[in-house]
Amino acid sequence: MTDVTSAKSARRPHHWRRDLIELAALFTAVAVADAIANLIGHQPDGPYLLIASAVALTATAAFHTWWARRHSHAPPPDAQGLAASDAPAVEADASPDSAPAETVLWRMRTTVRDAPGSLAALCIVLARHRIDILTLQTHPLAEGTVDEFLLRAPASLPAAQLTRAISDAGGSSTWIERADAHDLVDAPTRVLGLATRTALDAAELPLALRQLLGRCTIHSLPAMSITGRATGETAPVEGVLEETVMRLRDPSGGVITVERPYLPFTPTEFARARALVELDARLGPRIPRSEHVLTLPEGNAITVRRADGGDLEAARAMHDRCSEQTLRLRYHGPVRDADRYLDHLLSPRFGRTLAVQTASGRTVALGHLLWDGDETEVALLVEDDWQRRGIGSELLGRLVALAVEAGCESVYAVTQASNTGMVAAMRALSLPLDYQIEEGTLVITARLSSAAARSLPPYERAKR
C-alpha cells in the first residue's frame, strides 16, 4: 500500500450506519454468550466446560498469530532462492570499505528467442557477473530478436567467459568487442549526428555508414570504369539486404556495398543506412567551401581548399603542365591514362581532395585521401615549377589530420623508391612508419593510433 493510499484511507469519513451495525453485532454477541453461559453453567460440569473452551480458544488464537507472522510475507520460492544465493556476493561487493573495482566498456550483440523471459534471463546472468547495462537496443527479426548492449564490466572478467555465460542463458550468434566513451551516446543522438555530417559534406557518407554499422568494409563501385566502359554494377532503388552484405544505390551512380562477415545486418540497420543514402541523394553534390591562405618561405601566397568534380578542368590543365616524370611518379603507369583517373579522384564519394591555388587562381597541386575498403591511401601531385617549396608536406599533413578526424587507423602511400620527395614528406610526419618494397614499388604506411597522431591539429589548423 502506498503512502497516498494510506492517507486517503485515513481521511475516509465514518458513516452512522456502520456504527449502528457494529453496535447491533455487539449486542447480538453478548446475548448469544449469555444464553450459552446459562445453558452450560447450570449443568453439573458446566464451569469446567467453560474453562476448557476458553483455553482452547486462547491456544487457537496464539497458534494463528504465530503462523501468520512466519509465513504471511515470505517471498516466492524462486525469488527466495535467488536472493539467498546472491545475497552474500551483493553484500560483499557493496561494502563501503571495499575499493571500487576497475571496469571496462564492452559492446555486445546476441540473438535471443522472441519469448517472454528471454531478455530477463540475460539480465540475470549479467547481474551475477557484476555487469552494469548502460544502454540497450533491440532489433526484431522474423524469428528471434537481436539485443545490442553497452556494458560496464569488471576489468578482470574475460570476454570468453562472458560469451559462454550468455550462451548458457539462451543467447546465440554472440559478438563482443571493446567500446570507448564515444559509444556512450544514445542511438538517436548518434544517428542525428551522422546525418548532420552527411548533410554538410558528401565525402562523409562512407564514414557515416561505417560508424553507424560498426566494424565493416565499404566499397563504392562506380557505374562507369576509368576507361569509360559500364561496370554493370547496379542496385534497385530500395537496396538489397543479404545477411552480411548490404547493397545500396549510390546517388552519383553505381553501388555502395557494405560487408560485415562476423554478424548479419538487421532490418533496422538496413533502414538506417538506406535513410542516410537517401538524404545524400536529396542534397546532391556538396563540399565545405572553407579556404586557408598560407605564405610560402619565399613569400608567395597560396590557398588550400577542398576540391571536387567542379575542379576537373583545372586539374586537367595542371596535368598538361606537369612533366612525364612527375606523372609517372604519381600514377605508376602509362602517363596517357592519368586524366582518366581524375573523375574518380575528385569524386567526394571515394575520399577527399585538397587543391592548392596560386594568387592568380591557377591550380598547382592536388592531394587525395582515398577510402580503400578498411584502408586509406594518400597521394600527392605537385606541378614541377612548385616542387620543393613545402607544398607537398603541407598537403600531406592536412590529409593525415583529416584521416585522424575520420577515425582511420593508418594511411599508406604508394610510390617509387626513387621518389625522395614523397619519402621525405612521410618521414616529416613524425609517425611510426612501415616500409615495403616490391620490384621498385614502395609502400609506406603511417600508423595513426599513436600519441603523435592524436596530437595532430585538425584540418582547419594543420600546419606542416
Protein backbone atom coordinates (compact mmCIF):
# COMPACT_ATOMS: atom_id res chain seq x y z
CA MET A 1 0.00 0.00 0.00
CA THR A 2 1.39 3.39 -0.93
CA ASP A 3 1.52 6.46 1.28
CA VAL A 4 -1.09 8.15 -0.90
CA THR A 5 -3.49 5.25 -0.46
CA SER A 6 -2.94 5.20 3.30
CA ALA A 7 -3.57 8.92 3.53
CA LYS A 8 -6.83 8.58 1.60
CA SER A 9 -7.95 5.74 3.87
CA ALA A 10 -7.16 7.79 6.98
CA ARG A 11 -9.34 10.67 5.81
CA ARG A 12 -12.35 8.46 4.93
CA PRO A 13 -15.48 9.69 6.87
CA HIS A 14 -17.23 7.44 9.45
CA HIS A 15 -20.90 6.80 8.48
CA TRP A 16 -23.63 6.37 11.16
CA ARG A 17 -24.96 3.16 9.51
CA ARG A 18 -21.61 1.47 10.15
CA ASP A 19 -21.73 2.41 13.86
CA LEU A 20 -25.29 1.08 14.12
CA ILE A 21 -24.34 -2.27 12.53
CA GLU A 22 -21.32 -2.69 14.82
CA LEU A 23 -23.47 -1.90 17.90
CA ALA A 24 -26.12 -4.43 16.81
CA ALA A 25 -23.43 -7.09 16.28
CA LEU A 26 -22.04 -6.41 19.77
CA PHE A 27 -25.45 -6.81 21.48
CA THR A 28 -26.11 -9.98 19.49
CA ALA A 29 -22.77 -11.48 20.56
CA VAL A 30 -23.47 -10.63 24.23
CA ALA A 31 -26.92 -12.20 24.05
CA VAL A 32 -25.59 -15.38 22.46
CA ALA A 33 -22.77 -15.62 25.01
CA ASP A 34 -25.22 -15.15 27.90
CA ALA A 35 -27.53 -17.84 26.56
CA ILE A 36 -24.66 -20.32 26.16
CA ALA A 37 -23.31 -19.49 29.62
CA ASN A 38 -26.74 -20.03 31.26
CA LEU A 39 -27.25 -23.27 29.37
CA ILE A 40 -23.88 -24.77 30.23
CA GLY A 41 -23.41 -23.12 33.63
CA HIS A 42 -26.45 -24.84 35.18
CA GLN A 43 -25.12 -28.27 34.24
CA PRO A 44 -23.10 -30.28 36.79
CA ASP A 45 -19.85 -29.93 34.74
CA GLY A 46 -20.70 -26.53 33.34
CA PRO A 47 -17.88 -24.47 34.89
CA TYR A 48 -15.27 -26.98 33.73
CA LEU A 49 -16.62 -26.87 30.17
CA LEU A 50 -16.46 -23.07 30.12
CA ILE A 51 -12.82 -23.09 31.32
CA ALA A 52 -11.81 -25.73 28.72
CA SER A 53 -13.47 -23.73 25.95
CA ALA A 54 -11.61 -20.56 26.98
CA VAL A 55 -8.25 -22.41 26.98
CA ALA A 56 -8.93 -23.91 23.55
CA LEU A 57 -9.84 -20.53 22.06
CA THR A 58 -6.73 -18.92 23.55
CA ALA A 59 -4.45 -21.66 22.16
CA THR A 60 -6.05 -21.41 18.71
CA ALA A 61 -5.60 -17.61 18.62
CA ALA A 62 -1.95 -17.88 19.69
CA PHE A 63 -1.18 -20.51 17.03
CA HIS A 64 -2.88 -18.45 14.34
CA THR A 65 -0.85 -15.35 15.25
CA TRP A 66 2.45 -17.30 15.18
CA TRP A 67 1.67 -18.88 11.82
CA ALA A 68 0.66 -15.56 10.21
CA ARG A 69 3.84 -13.79 11.33
CA ARG A 70 6.03 -16.61 9.99
CA HIS A 71 4.50 -17.10 6.53
CA SER A 72 2.40 -14.12 5.51
CA HIS A 73 5.27 -12.04 3.93
CA ALA A 74 7.58 -14.79 2.65
CA PRO A 75 8.81 -14.27 -0.96
CA PRO A 76 8.03 -16.77 -3.71
CA PRO A 77 10.27 -19.87 -3.72
CA ASP A 78 12.25 -18.82 -6.84
CA ALA A 79 12.85 -15.30 -5.63
CA GLN A 80 13.77 -16.57 -2.16
CA GLY A 81 16.32 -18.98 -3.62
CA LEU A 82 17.82 -16.33 -5.89
CA ALA A 83 18.08 -13.83 -3.06
CA ALA A 84 19.72 -16.39 -0.80
CA SER A 85 22.29 -17.36 -3.44
CA ASP A 86 23.13 -13.80 -4.50
CA ALA A 87 22.90 -12.01 -1.15
CA PRO A 88 26.44 -12.80 0.11
CA ALA A 89 28.04 -11.63 -3.15
CA VAL A 90 26.00 -8.42 -3.24
CA GLU A 91 26.75 -7.59 0.37
CA ALA A 92 30.44 -8.27 -0.14
CA ASP A 93 30.66 -6.04 -3.22
CA ALA A 94 28.53 -3.30 -1.66
CA SER A 95 30.71 -2.96 1.40
CA PRO A 96 31.58 0.71 1.94
CA ASP A 97 35.12 -0.20 2.91
CA SER A 98 35.88 -2.07 -0.35
CA ALA A 99 37.59 -0.08 -3.12
CA PRO A 100 35.72 0.20 -6.47
CA ALA A 101 36.98 -2.37 -8.96
CA GLU A 102 38.43 -1.30 -12.32
CA THR A 103 35.89 -1.54 -15.14
CA VAL A 104 35.91 -1.59 -18.95
CA LEU A 105 33.27 -0.91 -21.59
CA TRP A 106 32.02 -3.61 -23.94
CA ARG A 107 29.68 -3.60 -26.91
CA MET A 108 27.82 -6.90 -27.15
CA ARG A 109 25.22 -8.28 -29.53
CA THR A 110 23.37 -11.52 -29.17
CA THR A 111 20.28 -13.17 -30.64
CA VAL A 112 17.57 -14.50 -28.31
CA ARG A 113 14.22 -16.17 -28.76
CA ASP A 114 11.27 -13.82 -29.09
CA ALA A 115 9.59 -15.15 -25.95
CA PRO A 116 8.74 -13.71 -22.51
CA GLY A 117 11.64 -14.05 -20.09
CA SER A 118 14.44 -14.34 -22.68
CA LEU A 119 15.78 -10.86 -22.01
CA ALA A 120 15.29 -11.31 -18.26
CA ALA A 121 17.50 -14.42 -18.33
CA LEU A 122 20.30 -12.42 -19.98
CA CYS A 123 19.97 -9.60 -17.44
CA ILE A 124 20.18 -12.05 -14.54
CA VAL A 125 23.41 -13.51 -15.96
CA LEU A 126 24.89 -10.03 -16.37
CA ALA A 127 23.91 -9.11 -12.81
CA ARG A 128 25.58 -12.23 -11.41
CA HIS A 129 28.83 -11.14 -13.08
CA ARG A 130 28.50 -7.62 -11.63
CA ILE A 131 27.95 -6.10 -15.10
CA ASP A 132 26.08 -2.81 -15.47
CA ILE A 133 23.83 -2.34 -18.55
CA LEU A 134 24.33 1.22 -19.80
CA THR A 135 22.25 1.10 -22.99
CA LEU A 136 20.10 -1.50 -24.73
CA GLN A 137 18.73 -1.63 -28.28
CA THR A 138 16.50 -4.33 -29.71
CA HIS A 139 16.39 -5.31 -33.39
CA PRO A 140 13.32 -7.50 -34.09
CA LEU A 141 13.75 -10.25 -36.66
CA ALA A 142 11.31 -12.63 -38.31
CA GLU A 143 12.44 -15.25 -35.80
CA GLY A 144 14.03 -14.01 -32.60
CA THR A 145 15.40 -10.65 -31.55
CA VAL A 146 18.90 -9.16 -31.70
CA ASP A 147 19.75 -7.36 -28.45
CA GLU A 148 22.61 -4.85 -28.53
CA PHE A 149 24.13 -3.87 -25.15
CA LEU A 150 26.65 -1.32 -23.99
CA LEU A 151 28.09 -2.81 -20.81
CA ARG A 152 30.37 -1.72 -18.00
CA ALA A 153 32.05 -4.87 -16.71
CA PRO A 154 34.85 -5.66 -14.27
CA ALA A 155 38.22 -5.50 -16.00
CA SER A 156 39.08 -8.92 -14.59
CA LEU A 157 36.20 -10.61 -16.46
CA PRO A 158 37.41 -12.21 -19.73
CA ALA A 159 35.29 -11.76 -22.83
CA ALA A 160 35.28 -15.52 -23.46
CA GLN A 161 33.77 -16.18 -20.04
CA LEU A 162 31.05 -13.60 -20.62
CA THR A 163 30.26 -15.10 -24.03
CA ARG A 164 29.90 -18.58 -22.51
CA ALA A 165 27.57 -17.24 -19.81
CA ILE A 166 25.38 -15.52 -22.40
CA SER A 167 25.26 -18.72 -24.45
CA ASP A 168 24.15 -20.70 -21.38
CA ALA A 169 21.36 -18.14 -20.84
CA GLY A 170 19.97 -18.70 -24.34
CA GLY A 171 21.92 -16.19 -26.44
CA SER A 172 23.27 -17.21 -29.84
CA SER A 173 25.50 -15.61 -32.51
CA THR A 174 27.05 -13.53 -29.75
CA TRP A 175 29.57 -10.87 -30.75
CA ILE A 176 31.53 -8.70 -28.34
CA GLU A 177 34.20 -6.01 -28.70
CA ARG A 178 35.75 -3.29 -26.57
CA ALA A 179 33.99 0.08 -26.57
CA ASP A 180 35.06 3.57 -25.55
CA ALA A 181 33.48 6.72 -24.17
CA HIS A 182 32.20 7.76 -27.63
CA ASP A 183 29.81 4.79 -27.56
CA LEU A 184 28.02 6.23 -24.52
CA VAL A 185 25.97 8.43 -26.85
CA ASP A 186 22.48 7.01 -27.31
CA ALA A 187 21.45 5.69 -30.72
CA PRO A 188 19.08 8.52 -31.78
CA THR A 189 21.70 11.16 -30.94
CA ARG A 190 24.40 9.26 -32.84
CA VAL A 191 22.19 8.85 -35.92
CA LEU A 192 21.28 12.56 -35.92
CA GLY A 193 24.97 13.49 -35.67
CA LEU A 194 25.86 11.24 -38.59
CA ALA A 195 23.01 12.70 -40.64
CA THR A 196 24.33 16.20 -39.94
CA ARG A 197 27.84 15.24 -41.05
CA THR A 198 26.46 13.69 -44.22
CA ALA A 199 24.37 16.78 -44.96
CA LEU A 200 27.39 19.08 -44.67
CA ASP A 201 29.82 17.02 -46.77
CA ALA A 202 29.15 14.36 -49.40
CA ALA A 203 32.51 12.74 -48.62
CA GLU A 204 31.20 11.84 -45.14
CA LEU A 205 28.69 9.25 -46.36
CA PRO A 206 31.07 6.21 -46.34
CA LEU A 207 32.45 7.27 -42.96
CA ALA A 208 28.95 7.79 -41.55
CA LEU A 209 27.90 4.33 -42.72
CA ARG A 210 30.96 2.78 -41.10
CA GLN A 211 30.29 4.49 -37.77
CA LEU A 212 26.61 3.61 -37.94
CA LEU A 213 27.14 -0.09 -38.67
CA GLY A 214 30.30 -0.74 -36.67
CA ARG A 215 33.32 -2.62 -37.95
CA CYS A 216 32.54 -3.22 -41.62
CA THR A 217 34.04 -2.86 -45.10
CA ILE A 218 32.55 -0.34 -47.52
CA HIS A 219 33.22 -0.28 -51.26
CA SER A 220 31.94 2.36 -53.68
CA LEU A 221 31.75 0.88 -57.17
CA PRO A 222 31.15 3.42 -59.97
CA ALA A 223 28.73 2.78 -62.79
CA MET A 224 31.48 3.59 -65.33
CA SER A 225 35.09 2.44 -65.18
CA ILE A 226 38.01 4.80 -65.70
CA THR A 227 38.18 3.59 -69.31
CA GLY A 228 34.62 4.75 -69.95
CA ARG A 229 33.01 1.31 -70.01
CA ALA A 230 29.94 0.32 -68.00
CA THR A 231 30.85 -1.83 -64.99
CA GLY A 232 27.44 -3.49 -64.80
CA GLU A 233 27.16 -2.71 -61.09
CA THR A 234 23.59 -1.70 -60.30
CA ALA A 235 21.23 -1.98 -57.37
CA PRO A 236 17.47 -1.42 -57.02
CA VAL A 237 16.31 1.86 -55.56
CA GLU A 238 15.23 0.18 -52.32
CA GLY A 239 18.57 -1.62 -51.97
CA VAL A 240 19.36 -5.27 -51.25
CA LEU A 241 19.96 -6.94 -47.86
CA GLU A 242 21.60 -10.38 -47.93
CA GLU A 243 22.55 -11.31 -44.35
CA THR A 244 26.13 -9.97 -44.05
CA VAL A 245 26.08 -7.95 -47.31
CA MET A 246 24.17 -4.74 -47.94
CA ARG A 247 23.95 -3.17 -51.40
CA LEU A 248 22.65 0.39 -51.80
CA ARG A 249 22.26 2.51 -54.91
CA ASP A 250 24.84 5.28 -54.98
CA PRO A 251 23.21 8.67 -55.72
CA SER A 252 26.12 9.50 -58.04
CA GLY A 253 25.74 6.21 -59.92
CA GLY A 254 27.00 2.72 -59.18
CA VAL A 255 26.63 0.77 -55.97
CA ILE A 256 27.70 1.14 -52.34
CA THR A 257 28.47 -2.31 -50.94
CA VAL A 258 28.73 -2.83 -47.18
CA GLU A 259 30.08 -6.12 -45.83
CA ARG A 260 30.28 -7.34 -42.24
CA PRO A 261 31.26 -11.00 -42.10
CA TYR A 262 31.02 -11.52 -38.36
CA LEU A 263 27.34 -10.62 -37.85
CA PRO A 264 24.34 -10.36 -40.21
CA PHE A 265 22.74 -6.97 -40.68
CA THR A 266 19.30 -6.46 -39.20
CA PRO A 267 16.36 -4.82 -40.99
CA THR A 268 16.65 -1.89 -38.56
CA GLU A 269 20.29 -1.27 -39.56
CA PHE A 270 19.39 -1.61 -43.23
CA ALA A 271 16.64 1.00 -42.86
CA ARG A 272 19.00 3.45 -41.11
CA ALA A 273 21.70 3.03 -43.76
CA ARG A 274 19.20 3.49 -46.58
CA ALA A 275 17.89 6.66 -44.90
CA LEU A 276 21.42 8.14 -44.89
CA VAL A 277 21.90 7.32 -48.57
CA GLU A 278 18.52 8.86 -49.43
CA LEU A 279 19.49 12.01 -47.53
CA ASP A 280 22.72 12.23 -49.52
CA ALA A 281 20.80 11.76 -52.79
CA ARG A 282 18.32 14.54 -52.00
CA LEU A 283 21.02 17.08 -51.08
CA GLY A 284 23.11 16.46 -54.21
CA PRO A 285 26.85 17.25 -54.66
CA ARG A 286 28.30 19.46 -51.91
CA ILE A 287 31.56 20.09 -50.08
CA PRO A 288 32.58 22.63 -47.45
CA ARG A 289 33.90 25.78 -49.12
CA SER A 290 36.42 26.82 -46.49
CA GLU A 291 39.72 28.24 -47.77
CA HIS A 292 43.05 28.72 -46.00
CA VAL A 293 45.65 31.18 -47.24
CA LEU A 294 49.29 30.31 -46.47
CA THR A 295 52.55 32.08 -47.17
CA LEU A 296 55.46 30.03 -48.50
CA PRO A 297 59.03 30.64 -47.24
CA GLU A 298 59.89 32.67 -50.35
CA GLY A 299 56.86 34.93 -49.77
CA ASN A 300 54.34 33.55 -52.30
CA ALA A 301 50.74 33.23 -51.03
CA ILE A 302 48.81 30.03 -51.77
CA THR A 303 45.27 28.92 -50.96
CA VAL A 304 44.39 25.40 -49.75
CA ARG A 305 40.77 24.33 -50.15
CA ARG A 306 38.57 21.31 -50.76
CA ALA A 307 38.13 20.24 -54.38
CA ASP A 308 35.51 18.15 -56.20
CA GLY A 309 34.26 17.41 -59.70
CA GLY A 310 33.91 21.11 -60.42
CA ASP A 311 37.71 21.37 -60.46
CA LEU A 312 38.10 18.79 -63.24
CA GLU A 313 39.16 21.26 -65.95
CA ALA A 314 41.69 22.98 -63.67
CA ALA A 315 43.13 19.57 -62.70
CA ARG A 316 43.49 18.54 -66.36
CA ALA A 317 45.24 21.82 -67.14
CA MET A 318 47.69 21.15 -64.33
CA HIS A 319 48.34 17.66 -65.75
CA ASP A 320 49.24 19.24 -69.08
CA ARG A 321 51.84 21.41 -67.38
CA CYS A 322 53.42 18.52 -65.43
CA SER A 323 56.39 16.63 -66.83
CA GLU A 324 56.19 12.99 -67.84
CA GLN A 325 58.47 12.02 -64.93
CA THR A 326 56.23 13.77 -62.38
CA LEU A 327 53.12 12.00 -63.68
CA ARG A 328 54.92 8.64 -63.76
CA LEU A 329 55.94 9.01 -60.11
CA ARG A 330 52.35 9.83 -59.19
CA TYR A 331 50.35 7.26 -61.17
CA HIS A 332 52.83 4.35 -61.52
CA GLY A 333 51.61 3.59 -65.05
CA PRO A 334 51.18 4.93 -68.58
CA VAL A 335 51.15 8.72 -68.45
CA ARG A 336 48.48 8.96 -71.15
CA ASP A 337 45.95 7.33 -68.77
CA ALA A 338 46.45 9.89 -65.99
CA ASP A 339 43.48 12.09 -66.91
CA ARG A 340 41.13 9.10 -66.76
CA TYR A 341 41.62 8.85 -63.01
CA LEU A 342 40.59 12.42 -62.29
CA ASP A 343 36.83 11.82 -62.28
CA HIS A 344 37.34 9.10 -59.69
CA LEU A 345 39.87 11.04 -57.62
CA LEU A 346 37.79 14.23 -57.46
CA SER A 347 34.55 12.47 -56.52
CA PRO A 348 33.72 13.01 -52.83
CA ARG A 349 32.24 9.51 -52.77
CA PHE A 350 35.71 7.95 -52.91
CA GLY A 351 37.51 10.28 -50.50
CA ARG A 352 38.59 13.86 -50.03
CA THR A 353 40.72 16.07 -52.25
CA LEU A 354 42.63 19.22 -51.36
CA ALA A 355 43.70 21.68 -54.05
CA VAL A 356 46.42 24.34 -53.88
CA GLN A 357 45.86 27.52 -55.87
CA THR A 358 48.12 30.49 -56.51
CA ALA A 359 47.08 34.12 -56.10
CA SER A 360 46.06 34.13 -59.76
CA GLY A 361 43.68 31.15 -59.21
CA ARG A 362 45.78 28.51 -61.02
CA THR A 363 45.78 25.01 -59.51
CA VAL A 364 49.36 23.86 -58.87
CA ALA A 365 48.93 20.85 -56.55
CA LEU A 366 46.40 18.17 -55.58
CA GLY A 367 46.31 15.95 -52.52
CA HIS A 368 43.98 12.97 -52.24
CA LEU A 369 42.72 10.97 -49.25
CA LEU A 370 41.09 7.86 -50.75
CA TRP A 371 38.83 5.35 -48.95
CA ASP A 372 40.09 1.88 -49.89
CA GLY A 373 37.86 -0.53 -48.01
CA ASP A 374 39.30 -0.82 -44.49
CA GLU A 375 42.42 1.11 -45.51
CA THR A 376 43.11 4.71 -46.53
CA GLU A 377 45.52 5.90 -49.22
CA VAL A 378 47.19 9.30 -49.53
CA ALA A 379 48.52 10.62 -52.84
CA LEU A 380 50.13 13.89 -53.93
CA LEU A 381 50.75 15.64 -57.23
CA VAL A 382 52.68 18.94 -57.30
CA GLU A 383 53.41 20.80 -60.50
CA ASP A 384 57.12 20.80 -61.43
CA ASP A 385 57.67 24.55 -61.02
CA TRP A 386 56.19 24.44 -57.48
CA GLN A 387 58.04 21.45 -56.10
CA ARG A 388 60.47 21.62 -53.17
CA ARG A 389 58.69 24.60 -51.63
CA GLY A 390 56.95 22.74 -48.79
CA ILE A 391 53.60 22.38 -50.61
CA GLY A 392 53.71 18.57 -50.56
CA SER A 393 54.41 18.46 -46.82
CA GLU A 394 51.62 20.98 -46.20
CA LEU A 395 49.12 18.89 -48.15
CA LEU A 396 50.22 15.60 -46.59
CA GLY A 397 49.96 16.96 -43.05
CA ARG A 398 46.44 18.18 -43.71
CA LEU A 399 45.39 14.89 -45.32
CA VAL A 400 46.71 12.91 -42.34
CA ALA A 401 44.85 15.25 -39.97
CA LEU A 402 41.66 14.56 -41.95
CA ALA A 403 42.32 10.81 -41.66
CA VAL A 404 42.72 11.11 -37.87
CA GLU A 405 39.42 13.01 -37.64
CA ALA A 406 37.76 10.30 -39.73
CA GLY A 407 38.94 7.60 -37.30
CA CYS A 408 41.36 5.88 -39.68
CA GLU A 409 43.91 3.62 -38.04
CA SER A 410 46.58 4.12 -40.72
CA VAL A 411 47.28 5.68 -44.09
CA TYR A 412 49.55 4.40 -46.83
CA ALA A 413 51.28 5.94 -49.83
CA VAL A 414 52.28 4.01 -52.96
CA THR A 415 55.22 5.47 -54.84
CA GLN A 416 58.57 4.53 -56.33
CA ALA A 417 61.73 4.04 -54.35
CA SER A 418 63.31 6.89 -56.30
CA ASN A 419 60.62 9.39 -55.21
CA THR A 420 62.68 11.01 -52.47
CA GLY A 421 60.25 13.91 -52.11
CA MET A 422 57.33 11.66 -51.05
CA VAL A 423 59.57 9.65 -48.72
CA ALA A 424 60.79 12.85 -47.06
CA ALA A 425 57.22 14.15 -46.65
CA MET A 426 56.10 10.91 -44.98
CA ARG A 427 59.09 10.94 -42.63
CA ALA A 428 58.32 14.56 -41.71
CA LEU A 429 55.01 13.42 -40.17
CA SER A 430 56.93 12.06 -37.15
CA LEU A 431 54.68 8.98 -37.06
CA PRO A 432 55.59 5.27 -36.91
CA LEU A 433 56.23 4.14 -40.49
CA ASP A 434 56.36 0.73 -42.16
CA TYR A 435 58.17 0.25 -45.49
CA GLN A 436 57.52 -2.46 -48.08
CA ILE A 437 59.42 -2.59 -51.37
CA GLU A 438 58.45 -4.91 -54.22
CA GLU A 439 60.04 -4.60 -57.70
CA GLY A 440 60.76 -0.92 -57.29
CA THR A 441 57.32 -0.02 -55.84
CA LEU A 442 57.47 1.42 -52.34
CA VAL A 443 54.50 1.29 -49.95
CA ILE A 444 54.88 3.49 -46.86
CA THR A 445 52.30 3.01 -44.10
CA ALA A 446 51.88 5.50 -41.24
CA ARG A 447 50.12 4.25 -38.10
CA LEU A 448 47.72 6.85 -36.73
CA SER A 449 46.85 5.20 -33.42
CA SER A 450 49.95 6.58 -31.70
CA ALA A 451 50.07 9.59 -29.41
CA ALA A 452 51.81 11.58 -32.14
CA ALA A 453 48.85 11.10 -34.47
CA ARG A 454 46.35 12.09 -31.80
CA SER A 455 48.31 15.28 -31.21
CA LEU A 456 47.99 16.35 -34.85
CA PRO A 457 45.90 19.51 -35.19
CA PRO A 458 42.55 19.33 -37.00
CA TYR A 459 42.26 20.19 -40.68
CA GLU A 460 41.46 23.84 -40.11
CA ARG A 461 44.68 24.39 -38.14
CA ALA A 462 47.02 21.77 -39.62
CA LYS A 463 50.37 23.35 -40.42
CA ARG A 464 53.35 21.39 -41.57
